[in-house]
Amino acid sequence: MADQKKKIFVVDDDPMFCSMLSDHLEDQGTYEVVTFGTGEACLERLGEHPDAIILDYYLDNTVPGAKNGLEILKQIHKVAPNQKVVMLSSQEHYGVALQTIASGAVSYVIKDLKSFEEIDGQLADL
């Protein structure tokens, strides 16, 4: 029996980045990736029990009233306290990173040329 693919949710309001990361992960052959443009859309499908969620910090840029990644992270952990969430952001401020880790993220990855490699490393622990 073949190993079942790990389900990964990618939540980012940048469709290009979301698509690139999704393609990168699916090309590895071990992940089934579901993408969301808002955290609210991700929350609606938490019952699918993803193995990990990659969550952008800034999610409130394109949809008026959308919650940011930190708010979504807190809501995820209210519903699923043990959910593995990797925060993703272009913010290099340590305060932002510490705030997300304190709120339950397992790691904080800065969006740059190395971010896909870092995400691979985080998901390898599943």
PDB file of N, CA and C in Angstrom:
ATOM      1  N   MET A   1       0.845  -1.181   0.000  1.00  0.00           N
ATOM      2  CA  MET A   1       0.000   0.000   0.000  1.00  0.00           C
ATOM      3  C   MET A   1       0.891   1.244   0.000  1.00  0.00           C
ATOM      4  N   ALA A   2       0.601   2.159  -0.906  1.00  0.00           N
ATOM      5  CA  ALA A   2       1.414   3.375  -1.023  1.00  0.00           C
ATOM      6  C   ALA A   2       1.151   4.307   0.154  1.00  0.00           C
ATOM      7  N   ASP A   3       2.182   5.041   0.515  1.00  0.00           N
ATOM      8  CA  ASP A   3       2.017   6.021   1.584  1.00  0.00           C
ATOM      9  C   ASP A   3       1.017   7.079   1.160  1.00  0.00           C
ATOM     10  N   GLN A   4       0.184   7.479   2.086  1.00  0.00           N
ATOM     11  CA  GLN A   4      -0.788   8.517   1.796  1.00  0.00           C
ATOM     12  C   GLN A   4      -0.089   9.875   1.815  1.00  0.00           C
ATOM     13  N   LYS A   5      -0.483  10.739   0.897  1.00  0.00           N
ATOM     14  CA  LYS A   5       0.113  12.071   0.835  1.00  0.00           C
ATOM     15  C   LYS A   5      -0.310  12.896   2.049  1.00  0.00           C
ATOM     16  N   LYS A   6       0.592  13.736   2.510  1.00  0.00           N
ATOM     17  CA  LYS A   6       0.295  14.658   3.606  1.00  0.00           C
ATOM     18  C   LYS A   6      -0.510  15.829   3.047  1.00  0.00           C
ATOM     19  N   LYS A   7      -1.555  16.217   3.766  1.00  0.00           N
ATOM     20  CA  LYS A   7      -2.387  17.338   3.324  1.00  0.00           C
ATOM     21  C   LYS A   7      -1.839  18.631   3.913  1.00  0.00           C
ATOM     22  N   ILE A   8      -1.532  19.566   3.038  1.00  0.00           N
ATOM     23  CA  ILE A   8      -0.988  20.856   3.429  1.00  0.00           C
ATOM     24  C   ILE A   8      -1.942  21.950   2.961  1.00  0.00           C
ATOM     25  N   PHE A   9      -2.306  22.847   3.873  1.00  0.00           N
ATOM     26  CA  PHE A   9      -3.080  24.031   3.517  1.00  0.00           C
ATOM     27  C   PHE A   9      -2.093  25.190   3.370  1.00  0.00           C
ATOM     28  N   VAL A  10      -2.198  25.914   2.273  1.00  0.00           N
ATOM     29  CA  VAL A  10      -1.392  27.118   2.058  1.00  0.00           C
ATOM     30  C   VAL A  10      -2.357  28.297   2.030  1.00  0.00           C
ATOM     31  N   VAL A  11      -2.137  29.256   2.931  1.00  0.00           N
ATOM     32  CA  VAL A  11      -3.028  30.410   3.047  1.00  0.00           C
ATOM     33  C   VAL A  11      -2.220  31.675   2.774  1.00  0.00           C
ATOM     34  N   ASP A  12      -2.495  32.309   1.639  1.00  0.00           N
ATOM     35  CA  ASP A  12      -1.762  33.516   1.244  1.00  0.00           C
ATOM     36  C   ASP A  12      -2.627  34.306   0.279  1.00  0.00           C
ATOM     37  N   ASP A  13      -2.699  35.607   0.470  1.00  0.00           N
ATOM     38  CA  ASP A  13      -3.535  36.425  -0.414  1.00  0.00           C
ATOM     39  C   ASP A  13      -2.810  36.832  -1.693  1.00  0.00           C
ATOM     40  N   ASP A  14      -1.577  36.378  -1.886  1.00  0.00           N
ATOM     41  CA  ASP A  14      -0.832  36.621  -3.121  1.00  0.00           C
ATOM     42  C   ASP A  14      -0.987  35.382  -4.004  1.00  0.00           C
ATOM     43  N   PRO A  15      -1.866  35.446  -5.027  1.00  0.00           N
ATOM     44  CA  PRO A  15      -2.147  34.258  -5.834  1.00  0.00           C
ATOM     45  C   PRO A  15      -0.903  33.682  -6.524  1.00  0.00           C
ATOM     46  N   MET A  16       0.009  34.537  -6.941  1.00  0.00           N
ATOM     47  CA  MET A  16       1.214  34.061  -7.619  1.00  0.00           C
ATOM     48  C   MET A  16       2.085  33.256  -6.647  1.00  0.00           C
ATOM     49  N   PHE A  17       2.321  33.794  -5.463  1.00  0.00           N
ATOM     50  CA  PHE A  17       3.131  33.085  -4.479  1.00  0.00           C
ATOM     51  C   PHE A  17       2.457  31.778  -4.082  1.00  0.00           C
ATOM     52  N   CYS A  18       1.169  31.836  -3.854  1.00  0.00           N
ATOM     53  CA  CYS A  18       0.394  30.657  -3.459  1.00  0.00           C
ATOM     54  C   CYS A  18       0.548  29.553  -4.512  1.00  0.00           C
ATOM     55  N   SER A  19       0.414  29.930  -5.761  1.00  0.00           N
ATOM     56  CA  SER A  19       0.530  28.974  -6.854  1.00  0.00           C
ATOM     57  C   SER A  19       1.945  28.396  -6.953  1.00  0.00           C
ATOM     58  N   MET A  20       2.953  29.244  -6.815  1.00  0.00           N
ATOM     59  CA  MET A  20       4.336  28.781  -6.903  1.00  0.00           C
ATOM     60  C   MET A  20       4.655  27.810  -5.760  1.00  0.00           C
ATOM     61  N   LEU A  21       4.250  28.143  -4.552  1.00  0.00           N
ATOM     62  CA  LEU A  21       4.524  27.273  -3.412  1.00  0.00           C
ATOM     63  C   LEU A  21       3.758  25.958  -3.542  1.00  0.00           C
ATOM     64  N   SER A  22       2.512  26.039  -3.956  1.00  0.00           N
ATOM     65  CA  SER A  22       1.703  24.844  -4.153  1.00  0.00           C
ATOM     66  C   SER A  22       2.352  23.917  -5.183  1.00  0.00           C
ATOM     67  N   ASP A  23       2.754  24.480  -6.319  1.00  0.00           N
ATOM     68  CA  ASP A  23       3.416  23.687  -7.364  1.00  0.00           C
ATOM     69  C   ASP A  23       4.701  23.058  -6.836  1.00  0.00           C
ATOM     70  N   HIS A  24       5.484  23.847  -6.103  1.00  0.00           N
ATOM     71  CA  HIS A  24       6.747  23.353  -5.537  1.00  0.00           C
ATOM     72  C   HIS A  24       6.495  22.145  -4.624  1.00  0.00           C
ATOM     73  N   LEU A  25       5.512  22.241  -3.758  1.00  0.00           N
ATOM     74  CA  LEU A  25       5.223  21.160  -2.819  1.00  0.00           C
ATOM     75  C   LEU A  25       4.647  19.938  -3.526  1.00  0.00           C
ATOM     76  N   GLU A  26       3.719  20.145  -4.442  1.00  0.00           N
ATOM     77  CA  GLU A  26       3.094  19.025  -5.141  1.00  0.00           C
ATOM     78  C   GLU A  26       4.090  18.293  -6.034  1.00  0.00           C
ATOM     79  N   ASP A  27       5.062  19.019  -6.586  1.00  0.00           N
ATOM     80  CA  ASP A  27       6.081  18.396  -7.438  1.00  0.00           C
ATOM     81  C   ASP A  27       6.926  17.376  -6.671  1.00  0.00           C
ATOM     82  N   GLN A  28       6.941  17.471  -5.357  1.00  0.00           N
ATOM     83  CA  GLN A  28       7.710  16.519  -4.547  1.00  0.00           C
ATOM     84  C   GLN A  28       7.011  15.167  -4.451  1.00  0.00           C
ATOM     85  N   GLY A  29       5.728  15.138  -4.779  1.00  0.00           N
ATOM     86  CA  GLY A  29       4.995  13.881  -4.813  1.00  0.00           C
ATOM     87  C   GLY A  29       4.527  13.350  -3.469  1.00  0.00           C
ATOM     88  N   THR A  30       4.777  14.078  -2.393  1.00  0.00           N
ATOM     89  CA  THR A  30       4.383  13.584  -1.072  1.00  0.00           C
ATOM     90  C   THR A  30       3.315  14.445  -0.414  1.00  0.00           C
ATOM     91  N   TYR A  31       2.911  15.514  -1.085  1.00  0.00           N
ATOM     92  CA  TYR A  31       1.946  16.436  -0.495  1.00  0.00           C
ATOM     93  C   TYR A  31       0.738  16.647  -1.399  1.00  0.00           C
ATOM     94  N   GLU A  32      -0.406  16.739  -0.767  1.00  0.00           N
ATOM     95  CA  GLU A  32      -1.628  17.206  -1.415  1.00  0.00           C
ATOM     96  C   GLU A  32      -1.824  18.616  -0.873  1.00  0.00           C
ATOM     97  N   VAL A  33      -1.866  19.606  -1.746  1.00  0.00           N
ATOM     98  CA  VAL A  33      -1.918  20.995  -1.310  1.00  0.00           C
ATOM     99  C   VAL A  33      -3.271  21.610  -1.651  1.00  0.00           C
ATOM    100  N   VAL A  34      -3.844  22.292  -0.667  1.00  0.00           N
ATOM    101  CA  VAL A  34      -5.081  23.051  -0.857  1.00  0.00           C
ATOM    102  C   VAL A  34      -4.731  24.501  -0.546  1.00  0.00           C
ATOM    103  N   THR A  35      -5.069  25.416  -1.458  1.00  0.00           N
ATOM    104  CA  THR A  35      -4.717  26.823  -1.258  1.00  0.00           C
ATOM    105  C   THR A  35      -5.957  27.656  -0.938  1.00  0.00           C
ATOM    106  N   PHE A  36      -5.715  28.718  -0.158  1.00  0.00           N
ATOM    107  CA  PHE A  36      -6.777  29.633   0.257  1.00  0.00           C
ATOM    108  C   PHE A  36      -6.268  31.063   0.143  1.00  0.00           C
ATOM    109  N   GLY A  37      -7.125  31.969  -0.282  1.00  0.00           N
ATOM    110  CA  GLY A  37      -6.764  33.375  -0.376  1.00  0.00           C
ATOM    111  C   GLY A  37      -7.046  34.157   0.892  1.00  0.00           C
ATOM    112  N   THR A  38      -7.843  33.554   1.798  1.00  0.00           N
ATOM    113  CA  THR A  38      -8.134  34.192   3.091  1.00  0.00           C
ATOM    114  C   THR A  38      -8.052  33.152   4.202  1.00  0.00           C
ATOM    115  N   GLY A  39      -7.779  33.631   5.388  1.00  0.00           N
ATOM    116  CA  GLY A  39      -7.759  32.749   6.540  1.00  0.00           C
ATOM    117  C   GLY A  39      -9.139  32.216   6.863  1.00  0.00           C
ATOM    118  N   GLU A  40     -10.151  33.031   6.612  1.00  0.00           N
ATOM    119  CA  GLU A  40     -11.522  32.612   6.891  1.00  0.00           C
ATOM    120  C   GLU A  40     -11.880  31.375   6.065  1.00  0.00           C
ATOM    121  N   ALA A  41     -11.449  31.356   4.787  1.00  0.00           N
ATOM    122  CA  ALA A  41     -11.717  30.195   3.927  1.00  0.00           C
ATOM    123  C   ALA A  41     -11.014  28.954   4.470  1.00  0.00           C
ATOM    124  N   CYS A  42      -9.817  29.119   4.980  1.00  0.00           N
ATOM    125  CA  CYS A  42      -9.073  28.007   5.590  1.00  0.00           C
ATOM    126  C   CYS A  42      -9.809  27.491   6.826  1.00  0.00           C
ATOM    127  N   LEU A  43     -10.276  28.402   7.672  1.00  0.00           N
ATOM    128  CA  LEU A  43     -10.977  28.008   8.896  1.00  0.00           C
ATOM    129  C   LEU A  43     -12.208  27.155   8.585  1.00  0.00           C
ATOM    130  N   GLU A  44     -12.888  27.472   7.489  1.00  0.00           N
ATOM    131  CA  GLU A  44     -14.090  26.726   7.115  1.00  0.00           C
ATOM    132  C   GLU A  44     -13.788  25.260   6.817  1.00  0.00           C
ATOM    133  N   ARG A  45     -12.519  24.971   6.468  1.00  0.00           N
ATOM    134  CA  ARG A  45     -12.175  23.598   6.083  1.00  0.00           C
ATOM    135  C   ARG A  45     -11.223  22.916   7.065  1.00  0.00           C
ATOM    136  N   LEU A  46     -11.080  23.474   8.256  1.00  0.00           N
ATOM    137  CA  LEU A  46     -10.214  22.868   9.266  1.00  0.00           C
ATOM    138  C   LEU A  46     -10.640  21.450   9.622  1.00  0.00           C
ATOM    139  N   GLY A  47     -11.907  21.135   9.436  1.00  0.00           N
ATOM    140  CA  GLY A  47     -12.412  19.797   9.714  1.00  0.00           C
ATOM    141  C   GLY A  47     -11.781  18.726   8.839  1.00  0.00           C
ATOM    142  N   GLU A  48     -11.069  19.138   7.798  1.00  0.00           N
ATOM    143  CA  GLU A  48     -10.367  18.180   6.931  1.00  0.00           C
ATOM    144  C   GLU A  48      -9.048  17.731   7.561  1.00  0.00           C
ATOM    145  N   HIS A  49      -8.675  18.323   8.689  1.00  0.00           N
ATOM    146  CA  HIS A  49      -7.496  17.947   9.468  1.00  0.00           C
ATOM    147  C   HIS A  49      -6.211  17.908   8.643  1.00  0.00           C
ATOM    148  N   PRO A  50      -5.765  19.076   8.154  1.00  0.00           N
ATOM    149  CA  PRO A  50      -4.509  19.090   7.401  1.00  0.00           C
ATOM    150  C   PRO A  50      -3.337  18.696   8.302  1.00  0.00           C
ATOM    151  N   ASP A  51      -2.299  18.141   7.698  1.00  0.00           N
ATOM    152  CA  ASP A  51      -1.101  17.785   8.459  1.00  0.00           C
ATOM    153  C   ASP A  51      -0.331  19.038   8.872  1.00  0.00           C
ATOM    154  N   ALA A  52      -0.429  20.082   8.054  1.00  0.00           N
ATOM    155  CA  ALA A  52       0.210  21.362   8.380  1.00  0.00           C
ATOM    156  C   ALA A  52      -0.486  22.473   7.612  1.00  0.00           C
ATOM    157  N   ILE A  53      -0.373  23.676   8.167  1.00  0.00           N
ATOM    158  CA  ILE A  53      -0.893  24.873   7.509  1.00  0.00           C
ATOM    159  C   ILE A  53       0.262  25.851   7.375  1.00  0.00           C
ATOM    160  N   ILE A  54       0.458  26.361   6.172  1.00  0.00           N
ATOM    161  CA  ILE A  54       1.431  27.419   5.932  1.00  0.00           C
ATOM    162  C   ILE A  54       0.610  28.689   5.804  1.00  0.00           C
ATOM    163  N   LEU A  55       0.800  29.601   6.744  1.00  0.00           N
ATOM    164  CA  LEU A  55      -0.091  30.745   6.911  1.00  0.00           C
ATOM    165  C   LEU A  55       0.666  32.060   6.781  1.00  0.00           C
ATOM    166  N   ASP A  56       0.251  32.881   5.832  1.00  0.00           N
ATOM    167  CA  ASP A  56       0.868  34.191   5.644  1.00  0.00           C
ATOM    168  C   ASP A  56       0.451  35.128   6.780  1.00  0.00           C
ATOM    169  N   TYR A  57       1.367  35.967   7.206  1.00  0.00           N
ATOM    170  CA  TYR A  57       1.085  36.912   8.288  1.00  0.00           C
ATOM    171  C   TYR A  57       0.122  38.009   7.822  1.00  0.00           C
ATOM    172  N   TYR A  58       0.375  38.555   6.630  1.00  0.00           N
ATOM    173  CA  TYR A  58      -0.490  39.613   6.098  1.00  0.00           C
ATOM    174  C   TYR A  58      -1.512  39.014   5.147  1.00  0.00           C
ATOM    175  N   LEU A  59      -2.733  38.876   5.613  1.00  0.00           N
ATOM    176  CA  LEU A  59      -3.808  38.307   4.796  1.00  0.00           C
ATOM    177  C   LEU A  59      -4.908  39.310   4.517  1.00  0.00           C
ATOM    178  N   ASP A  60      -4.789  40.484   5.077  1.00  0.00           N
ATOM    179  CA  ASP A  60      -5.899  41.434   5.007  1.00  0.00           C
ATOM    180  C   ASP A  60      -5.667  42.534   3.976  1.00  0.00           C
ATOM    181  N   ASN A  61      -4.867  42.228   2.951  1.00  0.00           N
ATOM    182  CA  ASN A  61      -4.557  43.254   1.946  1.00  0.00           C
ATOM    183  C   ASN A  61      -5.577  43.340   0.818  1.00  0.00           C
ATOM    184  N   THR A  62      -6.190  42.218   0.439  1.00  0.00           N
ATOM    185  CA  THR A  62      -7.034  42.234  -0.744  1.00  0.00           C
ATOM    186  C   THR A  62      -8.523  42.106  -0.467  1.00  0.00           C
ATOM    187  N   VAL A  63      -8.891  41.517   0.636  1.00  0.00           N
ATOM    188  CA  VAL A  63     -10.312  41.338   0.958  1.00  0.00           C
ATOM    189  C   VAL A  63     -10.659  42.226   2.145  1.00  0.00           C
ATOM    190  N   PRO A  64     -11.523  43.224   1.940  1.00  0.00           N
ATOM    191  CA  PRO A  64     -11.895  44.113   3.051  1.00  0.00           C
ATOM    192  C   PRO A  64     -12.468  43.313   4.224  1.00  0.00           C
ATOM    193  N   GLY A  65     -11.986  43.620   5.419  1.00  0.00           N
ATOM    194  CA  GLY A  65     -12.486  42.957   6.609  1.00  0.00           C
ATOM    195  C   GLY A  65     -11.845  41.611   6.909  1.00  0.00           C
ATOM    196  N   ALA A  66     -10.961  41.132   6.035  1.00  0.00           N
ATOM    197  CA  ALA A  66     -10.308  39.842   6.289  1.00  0.00           C
ATOM    198  C   ALA A  66      -9.366  39.976   7.487  1.00  0.00           C
ATOM    199  N   LYS A  67      -9.263  38.919   8.261  1.00  0.00           N
ATOM    200  CA  LYS A  67      -8.375  38.927   9.420  1.00  0.00           C
ATOM    201  C   LYS A  67      -6.933  38.689   8.983  1.00  0.00           C
ATOM    202  N   ASN A  68      -5.980  39.197   9.771  1.00  0.00           N
ATOM    203  CA  ASN A  68      -4.581  38.944   9.449  1.00  0.00           C
ATOM    204  C   ASN A  68      -4.180  37.552   9.938  1.00  0.00           C
ATOM    205  N   GLY A  69      -2.982  37.128   9.570  1.00  0.00           N
ATOM    206  CA  GLY A  69      -2.528  35.780   9.884  1.00  0.00           C
ATOM    207  C   GLY A  69      -2.452  35.484  11.366  1.00  0.00           C
ATOM    208  N   LEU A  70      -2.065  36.466  12.164  1.00  0.00           N
ATOM    209  CA  LEU A  70      -1.973  36.247  13.608  1.00  0.00           C
ATOM    210  C   LEU A  70      -3.353  35.965  14.202  1.00  0.00           C
ATOM    211  N   GLU A  71      -4.351  36.717  13.761  1.00  0.00           N
ATOM    212  CA  GLU A  71      -5.716  36.480  14.239  1.00  0.00           C
ATOM    213  C   GLU A  71      -6.210  35.096  13.805  1.00  0.00           C
ATOM    214  N   ILE A  72      -5.892  34.712  12.575  1.00  0.00           N
ATOM    215  CA  ILE A  72      -6.297  33.396  12.071  1.00  0.00           C
ATOM    216  C   ILE A  72      -5.573  32.298  12.840  1.00  0.00           C
ATOM    217  N   LEU A  73      -4.291  32.490  13.112  1.00  0.00           N
ATOM    218  CA  LEU A  73      -3.513  31.520  13.895  1.00  0.00           C
ATOM    219  C   LEU A  73      -4.181  31.264  15.242  1.00  0.00           C
ATOM    220  N   LYS A  74      -4.583  32.318  15.906  1.00  0.00           N
ATOM    221  CA  LYS A  74      -5.233  32.178  17.213  1.00  0.00           C
ATOM    222  C   LYS A  74      -6.554  31.418  17.096  1.00  0.00           C
ATOM    223  N   GLN A  75      -7.314  31.686  16.025  1.00  0.00           N
ATOM    224  CA  GLN A  75      -8.583  30.977  15.825  1.00  0.00           C
ATOM    225  C   GLN A  75      -8.342  29.505  15.510  1.00  0.00           C
ATOM    226  N   ILE A  76      -7.315  29.217  14.709  1.00  0.00           N
ATOM    227  CA  ILE A  76      -6.985  27.823  14.397  1.00  0.00           C
ATOM    228  C   ILE A  76      -6.720  27.058  15.683  1.00  0.00           C
ATOM    229  N   HIS A  77      -5.920  27.655  16.576  1.00  0.00           N
ATOM    230  CA  HIS A  77      -5.549  26.942  17.797  1.00  0.00           C
ATOM    231  C   HIS A  77      -6.677  26.859  18.820  1.00  0.00           C
ATOM    232  N   LYS A  78      -7.700  27.693  18.689  1.00  0.00           N
ATOM    233  CA  LYS A  78      -8.884  27.525  19.538  1.00  0.00           C
ATOM    234  C   LYS A  78      -9.636  26.256  19.132  1.00  0.00           C
ATOM    235  N   VAL A  79      -9.688  26.022  17.818  1.00  0.00           N
ATOM    236  CA  VAL A  79     -10.421  24.871  17.282  1.00  0.00           C
ATOM    237  C   VAL A  79      -9.558  23.603  17.301  1.00  0.00           C
ATOM    238  N   ALA A  80      -8.285  23.753  16.943  1.00  0.00           N
ATOM    239  CA  ALA A  80      -7.374  22.603  16.833  1.00  0.00           C
ATOM    240  C   ALA A  80      -6.050  22.954  17.515  1.00  0.00           C
ATOM    241  N   PRO A  81      -5.984  22.821  18.841  1.00  0.00           N
ATOM    242  CA  PRO A  81      -4.806  23.267  19.601  1.00  0.00           C
ATOM    243  C   PRO A  81      -3.480  22.651  19.170  1.00  0.00           C
ATOM    244  N   ASN A  82      -3.504  21.465  18.593  1.00  0.00           N
ATOM    245  CA  ASN A  82      -2.261  20.796  18.202  1.00  0.00           C
ATOM    246  C   ASN A  82      -1.920  20.953  16.721  1.00  0.00           C
ATOM    247  N   GLN A  83      -2.673  21.791  16.011  1.00  0.00           N
ATOM    248  CA  GLN A  83      -2.438  21.974  14.585  1.00  0.00           C
ATOM    249  C   GLN A  83      -1.056  22.589  14.337  1.00  0.00           C
ATOM    250  N   LYS A  84      -0.279  21.968  13.459  1.00  0.00           N
ATOM    251  CA  LYS A  84       1.036  22.500  13.104  1.00  0.00           C
ATOM    252  C   LYS A  84       0.841  23.634  12.093  1.00  0.00           C
ATOM    253  N   VAL A  85       1.301  24.833  12.477  1.00  0.00           N
ATOM    254  CA  VAL A  85       1.182  26.006  11.609  1.00  0.00           C
ATOM    255  C   VAL A  85       2.562  26.637  11.441  1.00  0.00           C
ATOM    256  N   VAL A  86       2.949  26.840  10.185  1.00  0.00           N
ATOM    257  CA  VAL A  86       4.186  27.540   9.857  1.00  0.00           C
ATOM    258  C   VAL A  86       3.780  28.931   9.370  1.00  0.00           C
ATOM    259  N   MET A  87       4.214  29.956  10.092  1.00  0.00           N
ATOM    260  CA  MET A  87       3.905  31.330   9.680  1.00  0.00           C
ATOM    261  C   MET A  87       4.892  31.758   8.599  1.00  0.00           C
ATOM    262  N   LEU A  88       4.384  32.534   7.678  1.00  0.00           N
ATOM    263  CA  LEU A  88       5.161  32.980   6.532  1.00  0.00           C
ATOM    264  C   LEU A  88       4.949  34.477   6.370  1.00  0.00           C
ATOM    265  N   SER A  89       6.025  35.229   6.220  1.00  0.00           N
ATOM    266  CA  SER A  89       5.865  36.673   6.067  1.00  0.00           C
ATOM    267  C   SER A  89       7.102  37.300   5.461  1.00  0.00           C
ATOM    268  N   SER A  90       6.904  38.456   4.874  1.00  0.00           N
ATOM    269  CA  SER A  90       8.041  39.232   4.384  1.00  0.00           C
ATOM    270  C   SER A  90       8.593  40.113   5.505  1.00  0.00           C
ATOM    271  N   GLN A  91       7.929  40.105   6.665  1.00  0.00           N
ATOM    272  CA  GLN A  91       8.374  40.882   7.814  1.00  0.00           C
ATOM    273  C   GLN A  91       9.610  40.243   8.440  1.00  0.00           C
ATOM    274  N   GLU A  92      10.674  41.014   8.586  1.00  0.00           N
ATOM    275  CA  GLU A  92      11.888  40.494   9.203  1.00  0.00           C
ATOM    276  C   GLU A  92      12.020  40.941  10.657  1.00  0.00           C
ATOM    277  N   HIS A  93      10.982  41.541  11.201  1.00  0.00           N
ATOM    278  CA  HIS A  93      11.029  42.036  12.571  1.00  0.00           C
ATOM    279  C   HIS A  93      10.918  40.870  13.557  1.00  0.00           C
ATOM    280  N   TYR A  94      11.850  40.806  14.509  1.00  0.00           N
ATOM    281  CA  TYR A  94      11.834  39.733  15.488  1.00  0.00           C
ATOM    282  C   TYR A  94      10.577  39.761  16.334  1.00  0.00           C
ATOM    283  N   GLY A  95      10.054  40.956  16.599  1.00  0.00           N
ATOM    284  CA  GLY A  95       8.839  41.063  17.404  1.00  0.00           C
ATOM    285  C   GLY A  95       7.667  40.353  16.758  1.00  0.00           C
ATOM    286  N   VAL A  96       7.534  40.476  15.437  1.00  0.00           N
ATOM    287  CA  VAL A  96       6.456  39.806  14.710  1.00  0.00           C
ATOM    288  C   VAL A  96       6.651  38.291  14.804  1.00  0.00           C
ATOM    289  N   ALA A  97       7.884  37.842  14.585  1.00  0.00           N
ATOM    290  CA  ALA A  97       8.178  36.406  14.660  1.00  0.00           C
ATOM    291  C   ALA A  97       7.876  35.863  16.054  1.00  0.00           C
ATOM    292  N   LEU A  98       8.335  36.556  17.076  1.00  0.00           N
ATOM    293  CA  LEU A  98       8.107  36.102  18.451  1.00  0.00           C
ATOM    294  C   LEU A  98       6.620  36.060  18.787  1.00  0.00           C
ATOM    295  N   GLN A  99       5.886  37.044  18.297  1.00  0.00           N
ATOM    296  CA  GLN A  99       4.447  37.101  18.557  1.00  0.00           C
ATOM    297  C   GLN A  99       3.747  35.875  17.950  1.00  0.00           C
ATOM    298  N   THR A 100       4.145  35.486  16.741  1.00  0.00           N
ATOM    299  CA  THR A 100       3.505  34.331  16.103  1.00  0.00           C
ATOM    300  C   THR A 100       3.884  33.027  16.813  1.00  0.00           C
ATOM    301  N   ILE A 101       5.143  32.901  17.222  1.00  0.00           N
ATOM    302  CA  ILE A 101       5.577  31.700  17.944  1.00  0.00           C
ATOM    303  C   ILE A 101       4.857  31.622  19.295  1.00  0.00           C
ATOM    304  N   ALA A 102       4.753  32.765  19.980  1.00  0.00           N
ATOM    305  CA  ALA A 102       4.050  32.796  21.267  1.00  0.00           C
ATOM    306  C   ALA A 102       2.573  32.424  21.105  1.00  0.00           C
ATOM    307  N   SER A 103       2.031  32.655  19.918  1.00  0.00           N
ATOM    308  CA  SER A 103       0.623  32.339  19.663  1.00  0.00           C
ATOM    309  C   SER A 103       0.429  30.929  19.130  1.00  0.00           C
ATOM    310  N   GLY A 104       1.526  30.165  19.019  1.00  0.00           N
ATOM    311  CA  GLY A 104       1.374  28.757  18.669  1.00  0.00           C
ATOM    312  C   GLY A 104       1.969  28.295  17.357  1.00  0.00           C
ATOM    313  N   ALA A 105       2.557  29.188  16.573  1.00  0.00           N
ATOM    314  CA  ALA A 105       3.193  28.740  15.332  1.00  0.00           C
ATOM    315  C   ALA A 105       4.423  27.902  15.668  1.00  0.00           C
ATOM    316  N   VAL A 106       4.685  26.878  14.865  1.00  0.00           N
ATOM    317  CA  VAL A 106       5.860  26.047  15.124  1.00  0.00           C
ATOM    318  C   VAL A 106       7.134  26.696  14.590  1.00  0.00           C
ATOM    319  N   SER A 107       6.979  27.572  13.605  1.00  0.00           N
ATOM    320  CA  SER A 107       8.134  28.319  13.102  1.00  0.00           C
ATOM    321  C   SER A 107       7.657  29.532  12.316  1.00  0.00           C
ATOM    322  N   TYR A 108       8.618  30.374  11.984  1.00  0.00           N
ATOM    323  CA  TYR A 108       8.355  31.611  11.269  1.00  0.00           C
ATOM    324  C   TYR A 108       9.344  31.663  10.107  1.00  0.00           C
ATOM    325  N   VAL A 109       8.835  31.675   8.894  1.00  0.00           N
ATOM    326  CA  VAL A 109       9.679  31.673   7.703  1.00  0.00           C
ATOM    327  C   VAL A 109       9.523  33.005   6.994  1.00  0.00           C
ATOM    328  N   ILE A 110      10.649  33.637   6.703  1.00  0.00           N
ATOM    329  CA  ILE A 110      10.637  34.915   5.981  1.00  0.00           C
ATOM    330  C   ILE A 110      10.577  34.631   4.484  1.00  0.00           C
ATOM    331  N   LYS A 111       9.641  35.300   3.804  1.00  0.00           N
ATOM    332  CA  LYS A 111       9.509  35.130   2.355  1.00  0.00           C
ATOM    333  C   LYS A 111      10.726  35.731   1.664  1.00  0.00           C
ATOM    334  N   ASP A 112      11.543  34.869   1.082  1.00  0.00           N
ATOM    335  CA  ASP A 112      12.673  35.304   0.280  1.00  0.00           C
ATOM    336  C   ASP A 112      13.064  34.140  -0.627  1.00  0.00           C
ATOM    337  N   LEU A 113      14.228  34.207  -1.215  1.00  0.00           N
ATOM    338  CA  LEU A 113      14.647  33.167  -2.150  1.00  0.00           C
ATOM    339  C   LEU A 113      14.822  31.806  -1.488  1.00  0.00           C
ATOM    340  N   LYS A 114      15.043  31.784  -0.186  1.00  0.00           N
ATOM    341  CA  LYS A 114      15.274  30.527   0.525  1.00  0.00           C
ATOM    342  C   LYS A 114      14.016  29.996   1.217  1.00  0.00           C
ATOM    343  N   SER A 115      12.904  30.704   1.122  1.00  0.00           N
ATOM    344  CA  SER A 115      11.723  30.329   1.905  1.00  0.00           C
ATOM    345  C   SER A 115      11.192  28.942   1.535  1.00  0.00           C
ATOM    346  N   PHE A 116      11.234  28.548   0.262  1.00  0.00           N
ATOM    347  CA  PHE A 116      10.724  27.229  -0.109  1.00  0.00           C
ATOM    348  C   PHE A 116      11.556  26.137   0.551  1.00  0.00           C
ATOM    349  N   GLU A 117      12.876  26.308   0.609  1.00  0.00           N
ATOM    350  CA  GLU A 117      13.757  25.333   1.259  1.00  0.00           C
ATOM    351  C   GLU A 117      13.441  25.247   2.751  1.00  0.00           C
ATOM    352  N   GLU A 118      13.230  26.400   3.375  1.00  0.00           N
ATOM    353  CA  GLU A 118      12.895  26.391   4.812  1.00  0.00           C
ATOM    354  C   GLU A 118      11.571  25.697   5.073  1.00  0.00           C
ATOM    355  N   ILE A 119      10.600  25.934   4.203  1.00  0.00           N
ATOM    356  CA  ILE A 119       9.293  25.279   4.355  1.00  0.00           C
ATOM    357  C   ILE A 119       9.464  23.767   4.191  1.00  0.00           C
ATOM    358  N   ASP A 120      10.270  23.353   3.200  1.00  0.00           N
ATOM    359  CA  ASP A 120      10.539  21.927   3.028  1.00  0.00           C
ATOM    360  C   ASP A 120      11.084  21.320   4.316  1.00  0.00           C
ATOM    361  N   GLY A 121      11.999  22.024   4.954  1.00  0.00           N
ATOM    362  CA  GLY A 121      12.589  21.542   6.196  1.00  0.00           C
ATOM    363  C   GLY A 121      11.557  21.411   7.308  1.00  0.00           C
ATOM    364  N   GLN A 122      10.647  22.362   7.394  1.00  0.00           N
ATOM    365  CA  GLN A 122       9.602  22.304   8.418  1.00  0.00           C
ATOM    366  C   GLN A 122       8.652  21.138   8.170  1.00  0.00           C
ATOM    367  N   LEU A 123       8.300  20.909   6.900  1.00  0.00           N
ATOM    368  CA  LEU A 123       7.335  19.851   6.584  1.00  0.00           C
ATOM    369  C   LEU A 123       7.973  18.466   6.662  1.00  0.00           C
ATOM    370  N   ALA A 124       9.280  18.390   6.570  1.00  0.00           N
ATOM    371  CA  ALA A 124       9.969  17.097   6.644  1.00  0.00           C
ATOM    372  C   ALA A 124       9.746  16.431   7.996  1.00  0.00           C
ATOM    373  N   ASP A 125       9.412  17.216   8.999  1.00  0.00           N
ATOM    374  CA  ASP A 125       9.211  16.685  10.353  1.00  0.00           C
ATOM    375  C   ASP A 125       7.824  16.083  10.572  1.00  0.00           C
ATOM    376  N   LEU A 126       6.967  16.148   9.567  1.00  0.00           N
ATOM    377  CA  LEU A 126       5.597  15.622   9.734  1.00  0.00           C
ATOM    378  C   LEU A 126       5.596  14.118   9.955  1.00  0.00           C
TER     379      LEU A 126
END
